[in-house]
Amino acid sequence: MLSATRKFLTVIIKLIRNRGLFGIYKQWIETLFRMKQIDYETSRVNALAVYHASRTLRIIATRHTAYIAYM
């Protein structure tokens, strides 16, 4: 536990030294963006697995664009 905390603090200190406080903020934003992207990719893979299991696909379209959905 102590080793992991020390490594974490070392990384934070290096970020502050190399990039400044704005660099830490920017890194945090990039990390959050990547986490959302991974979550999106996971949900997409799960949706494709459900489609593959049921082999049905439902398209919701308005009446005047239904012909595109049939194509």
PDB file of N, CA and C in Angstrom:
ATOM      1  N   MET A   1       0.827  -1.191   0.000  1.00  0.00           N
ATOM      2  CA  MET A   1       0.000   0.000   0.000  1.00  0.00           C
ATOM      3  C   MET A   1       0.871   1.255   0.000  1.00  0.00           C
ATOM      4  N   LEU A   2       1.886   1.254   0.831  1.00  0.00           N
ATOM      5  CA  LEU A   2       2.774   2.411   0.911  1.00  0.00           C
ATOM      6  C   LEU A   2       3.539   2.601  -0.389  1.00  0.00           C
ATOM      7  N   SER A   3       3.939   1.500  -1.004  1.00  0.00           N
ATOM      8  CA  SER A   3       4.673   1.573  -2.262  1.00  0.00           C
ATOM      9  C   SER A   3       3.805   2.165  -3.373  1.00  0.00           C
ATOM     10  N   ALA A   4       2.552   1.740  -3.433  1.00  0.00           N
ATOM     11  CA  ALA A   4       1.638   2.259  -4.455  1.00  0.00           C
ATOM     12  C   ALA A   4       1.374   3.743  -4.236  1.00  0.00           C
ATOM     13  N   THR A   5       1.234   4.164  -2.994  1.00  0.00           N
ATOM     14  CA  THR A   5       1.008   5.574  -2.692  1.00  0.00           C
ATOM     15  C   THR A   5       2.222   6.394  -3.091  1.00  0.00           C
ATOM     16  N   ARG A   6       3.409   5.874  -2.810  1.00  0.00           N
ATOM     17  CA  ARG A   6       4.623   6.603  -3.159  1.00  0.00           C
ATOM     18  C   ARG A   6       4.770   6.720  -4.677  1.00  0.00           C
ATOM     19  N   LYS A   7       4.439   5.656  -5.408  1.00  0.00           N
ATOM     20  CA  LYS A   7       4.492   5.714  -6.870  1.00  0.00           C
ATOM     21  C   LYS A   7       3.494   6.742  -7.414  1.00  0.00           C
ATOM     22  N   PHE A   8       2.305   6.757  -6.841  1.00  0.00           N
ATOM     23  CA  PHE A   8       1.289   7.705  -7.274  1.00  0.00           C
ATOM     24  C   PHE A   8       1.763   9.133  -7.048  1.00  0.00           C
ATOM     25  N   LEU A   9       2.307   9.404  -5.861  1.00  0.00           N
ATOM     26  CA  LEU A   9       2.799  10.751  -5.569  1.00  0.00           C
ATOM     27  C   LEU A   9       3.972  11.123  -6.471  1.00  0.00           C
ATOM     28  N   THR A  10       4.818  10.162  -6.793  1.00  0.00           N
ATOM     29  CA  THR A  10       5.938  10.424  -7.693  1.00  0.00           C
ATOM     30  C   THR A  10       5.435  10.828  -9.073  1.00  0.00           C
ATOM     31  N   VAL A  11       4.414  10.145  -9.549  1.00  0.00           N
ATOM     32  CA  VAL A  11       3.841  10.489 -10.855  1.00  0.00           C
ATOM     33  C   VAL A  11       3.226  11.888 -10.819  1.00  0.00           C
ATOM     34  N   ILE A  12       2.517  12.209  -9.759  1.00  0.00           N
ATOM     35  CA  ILE A  12       1.906  13.536  -9.629  1.00  0.00           C
ATOM     36  C   ILE A  12       2.983  14.616  -9.601  1.00  0.00           C
ATOM     37  N   ILE A  13       4.037  14.396  -8.862  1.00  0.00           N
ATOM     38  CA  ILE A  13       5.124  15.381  -8.778  1.00  0.00           C
ATOM     39  C   ILE A  13       5.784  15.558 -10.144  1.00  0.00           C
ATOM     40  N   LYS A  14       6.002  14.464 -10.869  1.00  0.00           N
ATOM     41  CA  LYS A  14       6.589  14.570 -12.205  1.00  0.00           C
ATOM     42  C   LYS A  14       5.671  15.341 -13.149  1.00  0.00           C
ATOM     43  N   LEU A  15       4.371  15.093 -13.053  1.00  0.00           N
ATOM     44  CA  LEU A  15       3.426  15.841 -13.891  1.00  0.00           C
ATOM     45  C   LEU A  15       3.466  17.325 -13.581  1.00  0.00           C
ATOM     46  N   ILE A  16       3.493  17.670 -12.293  1.00  0.00           N
ATOM     47  CA  ILE A  16       3.545  19.084 -11.910  1.00  0.00           C
ATOM     48  C   ILE A  16       4.838  19.711 -12.410  1.00  0.00           C
ATOM     49  N   ARG A  17       5.940  18.997 -12.254  1.00  0.00           N
ATOM     50  CA  ARG A  17       7.233  19.534 -12.664  1.00  0.00           C
ATOM     51  C   ARG A  17       7.306  19.706 -14.177  1.00  0.00           C
ATOM     52  N   ASN A  18       6.804  18.742 -14.938  1.00  0.00           N
ATOM     53  CA  ASN A  18       6.936  18.777 -16.393  1.00  0.00           C
ATOM     54  C   ASN A  18       5.843  19.587 -17.082  1.00  0.00           C
ATOM     55  N   ARG A  19       4.635  19.518 -16.570  1.00  0.00           N
ATOM     56  CA  ARG A  19       3.517  20.147 -17.269  1.00  0.00           C
ATOM     57  C   ARG A  19       2.840  21.261 -16.490  1.00  0.00           C
ATOM     58  N   GLY A  20       3.059  21.350 -15.215  1.00  0.00           N
ATOM     59  CA  GLY A  20       2.396  22.365 -14.407  1.00  0.00           C
ATOM     60  C   GLY A  20       1.015  21.901 -13.980  1.00  0.00           C
ATOM     61  N   LEU A  21       0.332  22.751 -13.240  1.00  0.00           N
ATOM     62  CA  LEU A  21      -0.996  22.380 -12.754  1.00  0.00           C
ATOM     63  C   LEU A  21      -1.994  22.234 -13.890  1.00  0.00           C
ATOM     64  N   PHE A  22      -1.844  23.066 -14.933  1.00  0.00           N
ATOM     65  CA  PHE A  22      -2.734  22.938 -16.082  1.00  0.00           C
ATOM     66  C   PHE A  22      -2.518  21.599 -16.778  1.00  0.00           C
ATOM     67  N   GLY A  23      -1.276  21.115 -16.777  1.00  0.00           N
ATOM     68  CA  GLY A  23      -0.977  19.815 -17.374  1.00  0.00           C
ATOM     69  C   GLY A  23      -1.685  18.686 -16.658  1.00  0.00           C
ATOM     70  N   ILE A  24      -1.757  18.779 -15.337  1.00  0.00           N
ATOM     71  CA  ILE A  24      -2.479  17.757 -14.568  1.00  0.00           C
ATOM     72  C   ILE A  24      -3.959  17.808 -14.912  1.00  0.00           C
ATOM     73  N   TYR A  25      -4.510  19.007 -15.019  1.00  0.00           N
ATOM     74  CA  TYR A  25      -5.918  19.163 -15.383  1.00  0.00           C
ATOM     75  C   TYR A  25      -6.167  18.571 -16.771  1.00  0.00           C
ATOM     76  N   LYS A  26      -5.290  18.892 -17.712  1.00  0.00           N
ATOM     77  CA  LYS A  26      -5.450  18.390 -19.074  1.00  0.00           C
ATOM     78  C   LYS A  26      -5.341  16.861 -19.105  1.00  0.00           C
ATOM     79  N   GLN A  27      -4.411  16.311 -18.359  1.00  0.00           N
ATOM     80  CA  GLN A  27      -4.259  14.854 -18.297  1.00  0.00           C
ATOM     81  C   GLN A  27      -5.500  14.206 -17.709  1.00  0.00           C
ATOM     82  N   TRP A  28      -6.081  14.834 -16.697  1.00  0.00           N
ATOM     83  CA  TRP A  28      -7.302  14.317 -16.077  1.00  0.00           C
ATOM     84  C   TRP A  28      -8.450  14.300 -17.085  1.00  0.00           C
ATOM     85  N   ILE A  29      -8.599  15.386 -17.849  1.00  0.00           N
ATOM     86  CA  ILE A  29      -9.653  15.470 -18.860  1.00  0.00           C
ATOM     87  C   ILE A  29      -9.453  14.389 -19.922  1.00  0.00           C
ATOM     88  N   GLU A  30      -8.211  14.195 -20.359  1.00  0.00           N
ATOM     89  CA  GLU A  30      -7.926  13.159 -21.356  1.00  0.00           C
ATOM     90  C   GLU A  30      -8.248  11.770 -20.808  1.00  0.00           C
ATOM     91  N   THR A  31      -7.944  11.544 -19.538  1.00  0.00           N
ATOM     92  CA  THR A  31      -8.234  10.253 -18.913  1.00  0.00           C
ATOM     93  C   THR A  31      -9.740  10.013 -18.839  1.00  0.00           C
ATOM     94  N   LEU A  32     -10.499  11.038 -18.450  1.00  0.00           N
ATOM     95  CA  LEU A  32     -11.959  10.900 -18.395  1.00  0.00           C
ATOM     96  C   LEU A  32     -12.534  10.623 -19.775  1.00  0.00           C
ATOM     97  N   PHE A  33     -12.007  11.328 -20.789  1.00  0.00           N
ATOM     98  CA  PHE A  33     -12.474  11.110 -22.155  1.00  0.00           C
ATOM     99  C   PHE A  33     -12.217   9.672 -22.585  1.00  0.00           C
ATOM    100  N   ARG A  34     -11.032   9.148 -22.269  1.00  0.00           N
ATOM    101  CA  ARG A  34     -10.700   7.778 -22.653  1.00  0.00           C
ATOM    102  C   ARG A  34     -11.564   6.769 -21.901  1.00  0.00           C
ATOM    103  N   MET A  35     -11.866   7.053 -20.638  1.00  0.00           N
ATOM    104  CA  MET A  35     -12.731   6.152 -19.870  1.00  0.00           C
ATOM    105  C   MET A  35     -14.126   6.101 -20.472  1.00  0.00           C
ATOM    106  N   LYS A  36     -14.655   7.253 -20.906  1.00  0.00           N
ATOM    107  CA  LYS A  36     -15.961   7.275 -21.562  1.00  0.00           C
ATOM    108  C   LYS A  36     -15.915   6.515 -22.881  1.00  0.00           C
ATOM    109  N   GLN A  37     -14.809   6.675 -23.601  1.00  0.00           N
ATOM    110  CA  GLN A  37     -14.663   5.991 -24.875  1.00  0.00           C
ATOM    111  C   GLN A  37     -14.622   4.475 -24.680  1.00  0.00           C
ATOM    112  N   ILE A  38     -13.911   4.022 -23.665  1.00  0.00           N
ATOM    113  CA  ILE A  38     -13.852   2.585 -23.375  1.00  0.00           C
ATOM    114  C   ILE A  38     -15.233   2.070 -22.981  1.00  0.00           C
ATOM    115  N   ASP A  39     -15.973   2.858 -22.188  1.00  0.00           N
ATOM    116  CA  ASP A  39     -17.324   2.471 -21.793  1.00  0.00           C
ATOM    117  C   ASP A  39     -18.227   2.369 -23.015  1.00  0.00           C
ATOM    118  N   TYR A  40     -18.098   3.326 -23.948  1.00  0.00           N
ATOM    119  CA  TYR A  40     -18.890   3.297 -25.171  1.00  0.00           C
ATOM    120  C   TYR A  40     -18.552   2.058 -25.995  1.00  0.00           C
ATOM    121  N   GLU A  41     -17.265   1.759 -26.134  1.00  0.00           N
ATOM    122  CA  GLU A  41     -16.857   0.603 -26.914  1.00  0.00           C
ATOM    123  C   GLU A  41     -17.366  -0.694 -26.287  1.00  0.00           C
ATOM    124  N   THR A  42     -17.338  -0.769 -24.958  1.00  0.00           N
ATOM    125  CA  THR A  42     -17.837  -1.954 -24.269  1.00  0.00           C
ATOM    126  C   THR A  42     -19.333  -2.130 -24.495  1.00  0.00           C
ATOM    127  N   SER A  43     -20.095  -1.039 -24.404  1.00  0.00           N
ATOM    128  CA  SER A  43     -21.533  -1.139 -24.628  1.00  0.00           C
ATOM    129  C   SER A  43     -21.839  -1.501 -26.079  1.00  0.00           C
ATOM    130  N   ARG A  44     -21.020  -1.015 -26.996  1.00  0.00           N
ATOM    131  CA  ARG A  44     -21.208  -1.348 -28.408  1.00  0.00           C
ATOM    132  C   ARG A  44     -20.960  -2.840 -28.650  1.00  0.00           C
ATOM    133  N   VAL A  45     -19.909  -3.363 -28.041  1.00  0.00           N
ATOM    134  CA  VAL A  45     -19.614  -4.786 -28.183  1.00  0.00           C
ATOM    135  C   VAL A  45     -20.741  -5.616 -27.580  1.00  0.00           C
ATOM    136  N   ASN A  46     -21.266  -5.195 -26.430  1.00  0.00           N
ATOM    137  CA  ASN A  46     -22.384  -5.919 -25.805  1.00  0.00           C
ATOM    138  C   ASN A  46     -23.620  -5.882 -26.692  1.00  0.00           C
ATOM    139  N   ALA A  47     -23.888  -4.730 -27.310  1.00  0.00           N
ATOM    140  CA  ALA A  47     -25.048  -4.627 -28.196  1.00  0.00           C
ATOM    141  C   ALA A  47     -24.888  -5.535 -29.406  1.00  0.00           C
ATOM    142  N   LEU A  48     -23.692  -5.602 -29.948  1.00  0.00           N
ATOM    143  CA  LEU A  48     -23.466  -6.499 -31.084  1.00  0.00           C
ATOM    144  C   LEU A  48     -23.609  -7.960 -30.678  1.00  0.00           C
ATOM    145  N   ALA A  49     -23.219  -8.289 -29.448  1.00  0.00           N
ATOM    146  CA  ALA A  49     -23.375  -9.665 -28.964  1.00  0.00           C
ATOM    147  C   ALA A  49     -24.850 -10.018 -28.828  1.00  0.00           C
ATOM    148  N   VAL A  50     -25.656  -9.091 -28.341  1.00  0.00           N
ATOM    149  CA  VAL A  50     -27.100  -9.328 -28.223  1.00  0.00           C
ATOM    150  C   VAL A  50     -27.715  -9.496 -29.601  1.00  0.00           C
ATOM    151  N   TYR A  51     -27.302  -8.648 -30.553  1.00  0.00           N
ATOM    152  CA  TYR A  51     -27.804  -8.775 -31.922  1.00  0.00           C
ATOM    153  C   TYR A  51     -27.428 -10.139 -32.503  1.00  0.00           C
ATOM    154  N   HIS A  52     -26.189 -10.538 -32.280  1.00  0.00           N
ATOM    155  CA  HIS A  52     -25.733 -11.811 -32.825  1.00  0.00           C
ATOM    156  C   HIS A  52     -26.523 -12.982 -32.221  1.00  0.00           C
ATOM    157  N   ALA A  53     -26.875 -12.885 -30.960  1.00  0.00           N
ATOM    158  CA  ALA A  53     -27.616 -13.963 -30.305  1.00  0.00           C
ATOM    159  C   ALA A  53     -29.053 -14.037 -30.808  1.00  0.00           C
ATOM    160  N   SER A  54     -29.682 -12.891 -31.055  1.00  0.00           N
ATOM    161  CA  SER A  54     -31.095 -12.904 -31.436  1.00  0.00           C
ATOM    162  C   SER A  54     -31.304 -12.824 -32.946  1.00  0.00           C
ATOM    163  N   ARG A  55     -30.327 -12.311 -33.660  1.00  0.00           N
ATOM    164  CA  ARG A  55     -30.398 -12.147 -35.114  1.00  0.00           C
ATOM    165  C   ARG A  55     -31.583 -11.305 -35.558  1.00  0.00           C
ATOM    166  N   THR A  56     -32.019 -10.393 -34.731  1.00  0.00           N
ATOM    167  CA  THR A  56     -33.063  -9.468 -35.137  1.00  0.00           C
ATOM    168  C   THR A  56     -32.541  -8.054 -34.989  1.00  0.00           C
ATOM    169  N   LEU A  57     -32.982  -7.214 -35.868  1.00  0.00           N
ATOM    170  CA  LEU A  57     -32.568  -5.822 -35.854  1.00  0.00           C
ATOM    171  C   LEU A  57     -33.811  -4.973 -36.044  1.00  0.00           C
ATOM    172  N   ARG A  58     -34.031  -4.036 -35.181  1.00  0.00           N
ATOM    173  CA  ARG A  58     -35.193  -3.166 -35.271  1.00  0.00           C
ATOM    174  C   ARG A  58     -34.731  -1.753 -35.587  1.00  0.00           C
ATOM    175  N   ILE A  59     -35.333  -1.183 -36.598  1.00  0.00           N
ATOM    176  CA  ILE A  59     -35.002   0.178 -37.002  1.00  0.00           C
ATOM    177  C   ILE A  59     -36.235   1.032 -36.772  1.00  0.00           C
ATOM    178  N   ILE A  60     -36.061   2.094 -36.038  1.00  0.00           N
ATOM    179  CA  ILE A  60     -37.164   3.018 -35.785  1.00  0.00           C
ATOM    180  C   ILE A  60     -37.010   4.180 -36.752  1.00  0.00           C
ATOM    181  N   ALA A  61     -38.063   4.428 -37.524  1.00  0.00           N
ATOM    182  CA  ALA A  61     -38.024   5.500 -38.515  1.00  0.00           C
ATOM    183  C   ALA A  61     -39.401   6.145 -38.616  1.00  0.00           C
ATOM    184  N   THR A  62     -39.396   7.381 -39.026  1.00  0.00           N
ATOM    185  CA  THR A  62     -40.670   8.051 -39.266  1.00  0.00           C
ATOM    186  C   THR A  62     -41.271   7.531 -40.563  1.00  0.00           C
ATOM    187  N   ARG A  63     -42.528   7.822 -40.787  1.00  0.00           N
ATOM    188  CA  ARG A  63     -43.234   7.269 -41.937  1.00  0.00           C
ATOM    189  C   ARG A  63     -42.604   7.730 -43.259  1.00  0.00           C
ATOM    190  N   HIS A  64     -42.200   8.989 -43.331  1.00  0.00           N
ATOM    191  CA  HIS A  64     -41.676   9.490 -44.600  1.00  0.00           C
ATOM    192  C   HIS A  64     -40.235   9.041 -44.871  1.00  0.00           C
ATOM    193  N   THR A  65     -39.578   8.368 -43.916  1.00  0.00           N
ATOM    194  CA  THR A  65     -38.243   7.825 -44.165  1.00  0.00           C
ATOM    195  C   THR A  65     -38.215   6.303 -44.015  1.00  0.00           C
ATOM    196  N   ALA A  66     -39.379   5.684 -43.958  1.00  0.00           N
ATOM    197  CA  ALA A  66     -39.447   4.235 -43.752  1.00  0.00           C
ATOM    198  C   ALA A  66     -38.850   3.477 -44.931  1.00  0.00           C
ATOM    199  N   TYR A  67     -38.958   4.022 -46.127  1.00  0.00           N
ATOM    200  CA  TYR A  67     -38.418   3.331 -47.286  1.00  0.00           C
ATOM    201  C   TYR A  67     -36.907   3.170 -47.171  1.00  0.00           C
ATOM    202  N   ILE A  68     -36.237   4.098 -46.526  1.00  0.00           N
ATOM    203  CA  ILE A  68     -34.784   3.991 -46.318  1.00  0.00           C
ATOM    204  C   ILE A  68     -34.511   2.850 -45.340  1.00  0.00           C
ATOM    205  N   ALA A  69     -35.343   2.738 -44.311  1.00  0.00           N
ATOM    206  CA  ALA A  69     -35.159   1.658 -43.339  1.00  0.00           C
ATOM    207  C   ALA A  69     -35.373   0.301 -43.987  1.00  0.00           C
ATOM    208  N   TYR A  70     -36.299   0.198 -44.938  1.00  0.00           N
ATOM    209  CA  TYR A  70     -36.525  -1.076 -45.622  1.00  0.00           C
ATOM    210  C   TYR A  70     -35.357  -1.449 -46.530  1.00  0.00           C
ATOM    211  N   MET A  71     -34.687  -0.454 -47.058  1.00  0.00           N
ATOM    212  CA  MET A  71     -33.529  -0.740 -47.908  1.00  0.00           C
ATOM    213  C   MET A  71     -32.411  -1.334 -47.098  1.00  0.00           C
TER     214      MET A  71
END
